[in-house]
């Protein structure tokens, strides 16, 4: 399936009350688009990383009461799953689309990544654009702009990533739901690939930890 853009109706899925109705709408409207994006980006990431990459679309299978407030497709070099591995994500909240590199709480390598990034911050961090965002919790839509953080604040975030079990590291961009790029499949795919290209130094640093 060729990638298509996201519409207002896709974002409005997250306003549907109730687990079953919202999940039904997600499966019908949003998941096929995430699957198409997942397939389209696999060759790009595989060539950049030099090894096979697999797309994993969120199924929200463990939910029994509360409907999901966001959904996504993730890419990792592990065929079985992505949560314990460094990975890339594209997904939707009701307000925006996100394109990020992520190390979430299941990763056993967060501490080593945090220490290595602190040591190499002056080499790696300037290559990340100032308008990119940082989040330390993938379950919340908010984030802080990289350019708004002082060096001390960045070090504090990395200290927390190293020492707090639930702390996470997500870095990338947010696109407002009304951004023209979101609804244009070609521009969206280009933006995803350009963003992942800029995030490769972070991914490689995380991947080195696992070797």
C-alpha atoms as a PDB file:
ATOM      1  CA  UNK A   1       0.000   0.000   0.000  1.00  0.00           C
ATOM      2  CA  UNK A   2       1.336   3.405  -0.980  1.00  0.00           C
ATOM      3  CA  UNK A   3       1.641   5.853   1.949  1.00  0.00           C
ATOM      4  CA  UNK A   4      -1.123   8.428   2.269  1.00  0.00           C
ATOM      5  CA  UNK A   5      -1.364  11.539   4.404  1.00  0.00           C
ATOM      6  CA  UNK A   6      -3.330  11.950   7.615  1.00  0.00           C
ATOM      7  CA  UNK A   7      -6.610  13.848   7.764  1.00  0.00           C
ATOM      8  CA  UNK A   8      -8.541  15.704  10.439  1.00  0.00           C
ATOM      9  CA  UNK A   9     -10.730  12.630  10.864  1.00  0.00           C
ATOM     10  CA  UNK A  10      -7.672  10.508  11.672  1.00  0.00           C
ATOM     11  CA  UNK A  11      -6.694  12.777  14.564  1.00  0.00           C
ATOM     12  CA  UNK A  12     -10.300  13.017  15.741  1.00  0.00           C
ATOM     13  CA  UNK A  13     -10.321   9.253  16.352  1.00  0.00           C
ATOM     14  CA  UNK A  14      -8.811  10.049  19.765  1.00  0.00           C
ATOM     15  CA  UNK A  15     -11.948  11.990  20.721  1.00  0.00           C
ATOM     16  CA  UNK A  16     -14.155   8.894  20.332  1.00  0.00           C
ATOM     17  CA  UNK A  17     -15.283   7.724  23.787  1.00  0.00           C
ATOM     18  CA  UNK A  18     -14.967   4.108  24.850  1.00  0.00           C
ATOM     19  CA  UNK A  19     -12.296   1.480  24.254  1.00  0.00           C
ATOM     20  CA  UNK A  20     -14.057  -0.618  21.628  1.00  0.00           C
ATOM     21  CA  UNK A  21     -15.390   2.236  19.443  1.00  0.00           C
ATOM     22  CA  UNK A  22     -12.025   4.017  19.474  1.00  0.00           C
ATOM     23  CA  UNK A  23     -10.082   0.834  18.748  1.00  0.00           C
ATOM     24  CA  UNK A  24     -12.437   0.025  15.881  1.00  0.00           C
ATOM     25  CA  UNK A  25     -11.837   3.465  14.365  1.00  0.00           C
ATOM     26  CA  UNK A  26      -8.075   3.170  14.891  1.00  0.00           C
ATOM     27  CA  UNK A  27      -7.995  -0.204  13.138  1.00  0.00           C
ATOM     28  CA  UNK A  28     -10.128   1.029  10.267  1.00  0.00           C
ATOM     29  CA  UNK A  29      -8.733   4.505   9.686  1.00  0.00           C
ATOM     30  CA  UNK A  30      -5.270   4.943  11.177  1.00  0.00           C
ATOM     31  CA  UNK A  31      -3.563   1.563  11.376  1.00  0.00           C
ATOM     32  CA  UNK A  32      -3.518   0.940   7.579  1.00  0.00           C
ATOM     33  CA  UNK A  33      -1.793   4.293   7.083  1.00  0.00           C
ATOM     34  CA  UNK A  34       0.804   3.493   9.744  1.00  0.00           C
ATOM     35  CA  UNK A  35       1.390   0.077   8.161  1.00  0.00           C
ATOM     36  CA  UNK A  36       1.962   1.726   4.781  1.00  0.00           C
ATOM     37  CA  UNK A  37       4.411   4.246   6.254  1.00  0.00           C
ATOM     38  CA  UNK A  38       6.137   1.417   8.097  1.00  0.00           C
ATOM     39  CA  UNK A  39       6.721  -0.536   4.891  1.00  0.00           C
ATOM     40  CA  UNK A  40       7.808   2.555   2.967  1.00  0.00           C
ATOM     41  CA  UNK A  41      10.478   3.565   5.497  1.00  0.00           C
ATOM     42  CA  UNK A  42      11.969   0.077   6.023  1.00  0.00           C
ATOM     43  CA  UNK A  43      14.291   0.209   2.957  1.00  0.00           C
ATOM     44  CA  UNK A  44      15.509   3.694   3.878  1.00  0.00           C
ATOM     45  CA  UNK A  45      16.382   2.772   7.470  1.00  0.00           C
ATOM     46  CA  UNK A  46      17.836  -0.604   6.503  1.00  0.00           C
ATOM     47  CA  UNK A  47      20.237   1.088   4.097  1.00  0.00           C
ATOM     48  CA  UNK A  48      21.202   3.753   6.654  1.00  0.00           C
ATOM     49  CA  UNK A  49      21.764   1.286   9.475  1.00  0.00           C
ATOM     50  CA  UNK A  50      23.377  -1.394   7.331  1.00  0.00           C
ATOM     51  CA  UNK A  51      21.168  -4.195   8.651  1.00  0.00           C
ATOM     52  CA  UNK A  52      17.550  -5.347   8.316  1.00  0.00           C
ATOM     53  CA  UNK A  53      14.947  -3.140   9.965  1.00  0.00           C
ATOM     54  CA  UNK A  54      11.417  -4.228  10.867  1.00  0.00           C
ATOM     55  CA  UNK A  55       8.262  -2.135  11.264  1.00  0.00           C
ATOM     56  CA  UNK A  56       6.010  -2.729  14.293  1.00  0.00           C
ATOM     57  CA  UNK A  57       2.568  -1.105  14.392  1.00  0.00           C
ATOM     58  CA  UNK A  58       1.077  -0.587  17.855  1.00  0.00           C
ATOM     59  CA  UNK A  59      -1.760  -3.019  18.572  1.00  0.00           C
ATOM     60  CA  UNK A  60      -2.734  -1.778  22.084  1.00  0.00           C
ATOM     61  CA  UNK A  61      -3.578  -5.401  22.855  1.00  0.00           C
ATOM     62  CA  UNK A  62      -3.173  -5.113  26.637  1.00  0.00           C
ATOM     63  CA  UNK A  63      -5.835  -2.455  27.017  1.00  0.00           C
ATOM     64  CA  UNK A  64      -9.048  -3.609  28.660  1.00  0.00           C
ATOM     65  CA  UNK A  65     -10.647  -0.371  29.902  1.00  0.00           C
ATOM     66  CA  UNK A  66      -8.963   2.857  28.858  1.00  0.00           C
ATOM     67  CA  UNK A  67      -8.812   3.709  25.141  1.00  0.00           C
ATOM     68  CA  UNK A  68      -5.386   4.735  23.763  1.00  0.00           C
ATOM     69  CA  UNK A  69      -4.620   8.449  23.511  1.00  0.00           C
ATOM     70  CA  UNK A  70      -1.984   7.929  20.807  1.00  0.00           C
ATOM     71  CA  UNK A  71      -0.812   5.312  18.335  1.00  0.00           C
ATOM     72  CA  UNK A  72       2.306   4.723  16.262  1.00  0.00           C
ATOM     73  CA  UNK A  73       4.545   2.614  14.067  1.00  0.00           C
ATOM     74  CA  UNK A  74       8.048   1.831  15.343  1.00  0.00           C
ATOM     75  CA  UNK A  75      11.136   0.577  13.515  1.00  0.00           C
ATOM     76  CA  UNK A  76      13.836  -1.557  15.105  1.00  0.00           C
ATOM     77  CA  UNK A  77      16.469  -4.074  14.009  1.00  0.00           C
ATOM     78  CA  UNK A  78      14.746  -6.749  16.089  1.00  0.00           C
ATOM     79  CA  UNK A  79      12.034  -8.723  14.282  1.00  0.00           C
ATOM     80  CA  UNK A  80      10.131  -9.690  17.436  1.00  0.00           C
ATOM     81  CA  UNK A  81       9.752  -6.288  19.035  1.00  0.00           C
ATOM     82  CA  UNK A  82      11.114  -2.819  19.598  1.00  0.00           C
ATOM     83  CA  UNK A  83      10.375  -1.701  23.166  1.00  0.00           C
ATOM     84  CA  UNK A  84      13.636  -2.902  24.708  1.00  0.00           C
ATOM     85  CA  UNK A  85      15.682  -1.663  21.738  1.00  0.00           C
ATOM     86  CA  UNK A  86      16.681   1.739  20.357  1.00  0.00           C
ATOM     87  CA  UNK A  87      14.048   2.562  17.767  1.00  0.00           C
ATOM     88  CA  UNK A  88      12.371   5.172  15.605  1.00  0.00           C
ATOM     89  CA  UNK A  89       8.677   6.074  15.784  1.00  0.00           C
ATOM     90  CA  UNK A  90       6.034   7.931  13.813  1.00  0.00           C
ATOM     91  CA  UNK A  91       2.658   8.369  15.447  1.00  0.00           C
ATOM     92  CA  UNK A  92      -0.331  10.504  16.302  1.00  0.00           C
ATOM     93  CA  UNK A  93      -1.806  12.222  19.313  1.00  0.00           C
ATOM     94  CA  UNK A  94      -5.050  14.113  18.864  1.00  0.00           C
ATOM     95  CA  UNK A  95      -3.118  17.392  18.543  1.00  0.00           C
ATOM     96  CA  UNK A  96      -0.063  16.460  16.492  1.00  0.00           C
ATOM     97  CA  UNK A  97       2.045  13.919  14.634  1.00  0.00           C
ATOM     98  CA  UNK A  98       5.424  12.911  16.067  1.00  0.00           C
ATOM     99  CA  UNK A  99       8.599  11.663  14.366  1.00  0.00           C
ATOM    100  CA  UNK A 100      11.186  10.567  16.940  1.00  0.00           C
ATOM    101  CA  UNK A 101      14.099   8.409  17.994  1.00  0.00           C
ATOM    102  CA  UNK A 102      13.210   6.656  21.245  1.00  0.00           C
ATOM    103  CA  UNK A 103      14.700   4.777  24.167  1.00  0.00           C
ATOM    104  CA  UNK A 104      11.786   3.891  26.452  1.00  0.00           C
ATOM    105  CA  UNK A 105      11.666   2.437  29.951  1.00  0.00           C
ATOM    106  CA  UNK A 106      11.919  -1.197  28.808  1.00  0.00           C
ATOM    107  CA  UNK A 107      15.410  -0.557  27.404  1.00  0.00           C
ATOM    108  CA  UNK A 108      18.201  -2.048  29.544  1.00  0.00           C
ATOM    109  CA  UNK A 109      20.694   0.279  27.866  1.00  0.00           C
ATOM    110  CA  UNK A 110      19.312   3.668  28.910  1.00  0.00           C
ATOM    111  CA  UNK A 111      21.922   4.201  31.599  1.00  0.00           C
ATOM    112  CA  UNK A 112      24.884   3.449  29.360  1.00  0.00           C
ATOM    113  CA  UNK A 113      23.399   5.609  26.601  1.00  0.00           C
ATOM    114  CA  UNK A 114      22.962   8.510  29.031  1.00  0.00           C
ATOM    115  CA  UNK A 115      26.564   8.224  30.256  1.00  0.00           C
ATOM    116  CA  UNK A 116      27.941   8.024  26.714  1.00  0.00           C
ATOM    117  CA  UNK A 117      25.873  10.957  25.507  1.00  0.00           C
ATOM    118  CA  UNK A 118      27.063  13.075  28.451  1.00  0.00           C
ATOM    119  CA  UNK A 119      30.655  12.250  27.512  1.00  0.00           C
ATOM    120  CA  UNK A 120      30.108  13.008  23.814  1.00  0.00           C
ATOM    121  CA  UNK A 121      27.559  15.790  24.146  1.00  0.00           C
ATOM    122  CA  UNK A 122      29.817  18.460  22.630  1.00  0.00           C
ATOM    123  CA  UNK A 123      30.431  16.294  19.558  1.00  0.00           C
ATOM    124  CA  UNK A 124      26.925  14.920  18.984  1.00  0.00           C
ATOM    125  CA  UNK A 125      24.462  17.473  20.344  1.00  0.00           C
ATOM    126  CA  UNK A 126      25.238  20.369  17.938  1.00  0.00           C
ATOM    127  CA  UNK A 127      24.158  18.163  15.011  1.00  0.00           C
ATOM    128  CA  UNK A 128      20.629  17.951  16.449  1.00  0.00           C
ATOM    129  CA  UNK A 129      18.615  21.002  15.264  1.00  0.00           C
ATOM    130  CA  UNK A 130      17.455  23.435  17.925  1.00  0.00           C
ATOM    131  CA  UNK A 131      13.804  23.142  16.859  1.00  0.00           C
ATOM    132  CA  UNK A 132      13.773  19.402  17.614  1.00  0.00           C
ATOM    133  CA  UNK A 133      11.924  18.367  20.763  1.00  0.00           C
ATOM    134  CA  UNK A 134      12.828  16.217  23.771  1.00  0.00           C
ATOM    135  CA  UNK A 135      10.510  14.148  25.916  1.00  0.00           C
ATOM    136  CA  UNK A 136      11.216  11.906  28.896  1.00  0.00           C
ATOM    137  CA  UNK A 137       7.819  10.144  28.871  1.00  0.00           C
ATOM    138  CA  UNK A 138       6.294   8.537  25.788  1.00  0.00           C
ATOM    139  CA  UNK A 139       2.875   8.335  27.468  1.00  0.00           C
ATOM    140  CA  UNK A 140       2.490  12.132  27.533  1.00  0.00           C
ATOM    141  CA  UNK A 141       2.108  14.445  24.524  1.00  0.00           C
ATOM    142  CA  UNK A 142       4.195  17.327  25.878  1.00  0.00           C
ATOM    143  CA  UNK A 143       7.836  18.013  25.062  1.00  0.00           C
ATOM    144  CA  UNK A 144      10.505  20.701  25.368  1.00  0.00           C
ATOM    145  CA  UNK A 145      12.387  22.310  22.501  1.00  0.00           C
ATOM    146  CA  UNK A 146      16.056  21.334  22.372  1.00  0.00           C
ATOM    147  CA  UNK A 147      17.131  24.950  21.839  1.00  0.00           C
ATOM    148  CA  UNK A 148      15.350  26.012  25.042  1.00  0.00           C
ATOM    149  CA  UNK A 149      17.548  23.791  27.235  1.00  0.00           C
ATOM    150  CA  UNK A 150      20.732  25.067  28.840  1.00  0.00           C
ATOM    151  CA  UNK A 151      23.728  22.685  29.026  1.00  0.00           C
ATOM    152  CA  UNK A 152      23.027  22.196  32.751  1.00  0.00           C
ATOM    153  CA  UNK A 153      19.375  21.347  32.064  1.00  0.00           C
ATOM    154  CA  UNK A 154      20.414  18.849  29.420  1.00  0.00           C
ATOM    155  CA  UNK A 155      22.856  17.229  31.828  1.00  0.00           C
ATOM    156  CA  UNK A 156      20.084  17.000  34.439  1.00  0.00           C
ATOM    157  CA  UNK A 157      17.838  15.214  31.937  1.00  0.00           C
ATOM    158  CA  UNK A 158      20.611  12.741  31.135  1.00  0.00           C
ATOM    159  CA  UNK A 159      21.331  12.205  34.842  1.00  0.00           C
ATOM    160  CA  UNK A 160      17.667  11.373  35.308  1.00  0.00           C
ATOM    161  CA  UNK A 161      17.714   9.026  32.306  1.00  0.00           C
ATOM    162  CA  UNK A 162      20.700   7.257  33.835  1.00  0.00           C
ATOM    163  CA  UNK A 163      19.297   6.910  37.337  1.00  0.00           C
ATOM    164  CA  UNK A 164      15.481   6.839  37.174  1.00  0.00           C
ATOM    165  CA  UNK A 165      13.957   3.590  35.959  1.00  0.00           C
ATOM    166  CA  UNK A 166      10.854   5.133  34.364  1.00  0.00           C
ATOM    167  CA  UNK A 167      12.778   7.951  32.640  1.00  0.00           C
ATOM    168  CA  UNK A 168      12.865   7.838  28.847  1.00  0.00           C
ATOM    169  CA  UNK A 169      14.565   9.620  25.956  1.00  0.00           C
ATOM    170  CA  UNK A 170      12.624  10.704  22.884  1.00  0.00           C
ATOM    171  CA  UNK A 171      13.996  13.211  20.400  1.00  0.00           C
ATOM    172  CA  UNK A 172      12.620  14.402  17.083  1.00  0.00           C
ATOM    173  CA  UNK A 173       9.892  16.695  15.790  1.00  0.00           C
ATOM    174  CA  UNK A 174       6.212  17.389  16.350  1.00  0.00           C
ATOM    175  CA  UNK A 175       4.000  18.482  13.453  1.00  0.00           C
ATOM    176  CA  UNK A 176       0.710  20.183  14.277  1.00  0.00           C
ATOM    177  CA  UNK A 177      -2.289  18.262  12.947  1.00  0.00           C
ATOM    178  CA  UNK A 178      -3.034  21.200  10.625  1.00  0.00           C
ATOM    179  CA  UNK A 179       0.492  21.344   9.185  1.00  0.00           C
ATOM    180  CA  UNK A 180       0.223  20.849   5.392  1.00  0.00           C
ATOM    181  CA  UNK A 181       3.053  18.293   5.515  1.00  0.00           C
ATOM    182  CA  UNK A 182       0.889  15.916   7.582  1.00  0.00           C
ATOM    183  CA  UNK A 183      -1.689  15.518   4.815  1.00  0.00           C
ATOM    184  CA  UNK A 184       0.766  15.302   1.917  1.00  0.00           C
ATOM    185  CA  UNK A 185       2.147  11.745   1.532  1.00  0.00           C
ATOM    186  CA  UNK A 186       5.287  12.678  -0.414  1.00  0.00           C
ATOM    187  CA  UNK A 187       6.234  15.594   1.820  1.00  0.00           C
ATOM    188  CA  UNK A 188       5.475  13.553   4.929  1.00  0.00           C
ATOM    189  CA  UNK A 189       7.678  10.665   3.806  1.00  0.00           C
ATOM    190  CA  UNK A 190      10.498  13.087   2.955  1.00  0.00           C
ATOM    191  CA  UNK A 191      10.150  14.758   6.352  1.00  0.00           C
ATOM    192  CA  UNK A 192      10.249  11.391   8.139  1.00  0.00           C
ATOM    193  CA  UNK A 193      13.429  10.377   6.307  1.00  0.00           C
ATOM    194  CA  UNK A 194      15.094  13.778   6.802  1.00  0.00           C
ATOM    195  CA  UNK A 195      14.280  13.700  10.507  1.00  0.00           C
ATOM    196  CA  UNK A 196      15.569  10.160  10.975  1.00  0.00           C
ATOM    197  CA  UNK A 197      18.754  11.123   9.117  1.00  0.00           C
ATOM    198  CA  UNK A 198      19.403  13.893  11.654  1.00  0.00           C
ATOM    199  CA  UNK A 199      18.695  11.492  14.526  1.00  0.00           C
ATOM    200  CA  UNK A 200      21.098   8.782  13.316  1.00  0.00           C
ATOM    201  CA  UNK A 201      23.979   9.903  15.592  1.00  0.00           C
ATOM    202  CA  UNK A 202      21.747   9.299  18.623  1.00  0.00           C
ATOM    203  CA  UNK A 203      20.603   5.939  17.330  1.00  0.00           C
ATOM    204  CA  UNK A 204      24.177   4.830  16.594  1.00  0.00           C
ATOM    205  CA  UNK A 205      25.310   5.870  20.053  1.00  0.00           C
ATOM    206  CA  UNK A 206      22.508   3.779  21.565  1.00  0.00           C
ATOM    207  CA  UNK A 207      23.218   0.843  19.267  1.00  0.00           C
ATOM    208  CA  UNK A 208      26.916   0.859  20.230  1.00  0.00           C
ATOM    209  CA  UNK A 209      25.912   0.151  23.812  1.00  0.00           C
ATOM    210  CA  UNK A 210      24.364  -3.147  22.766  1.00  0.00           C
ATOM    211  CA  UNK A 211      27.456  -4.439  20.969  1.00  0.00           C
END
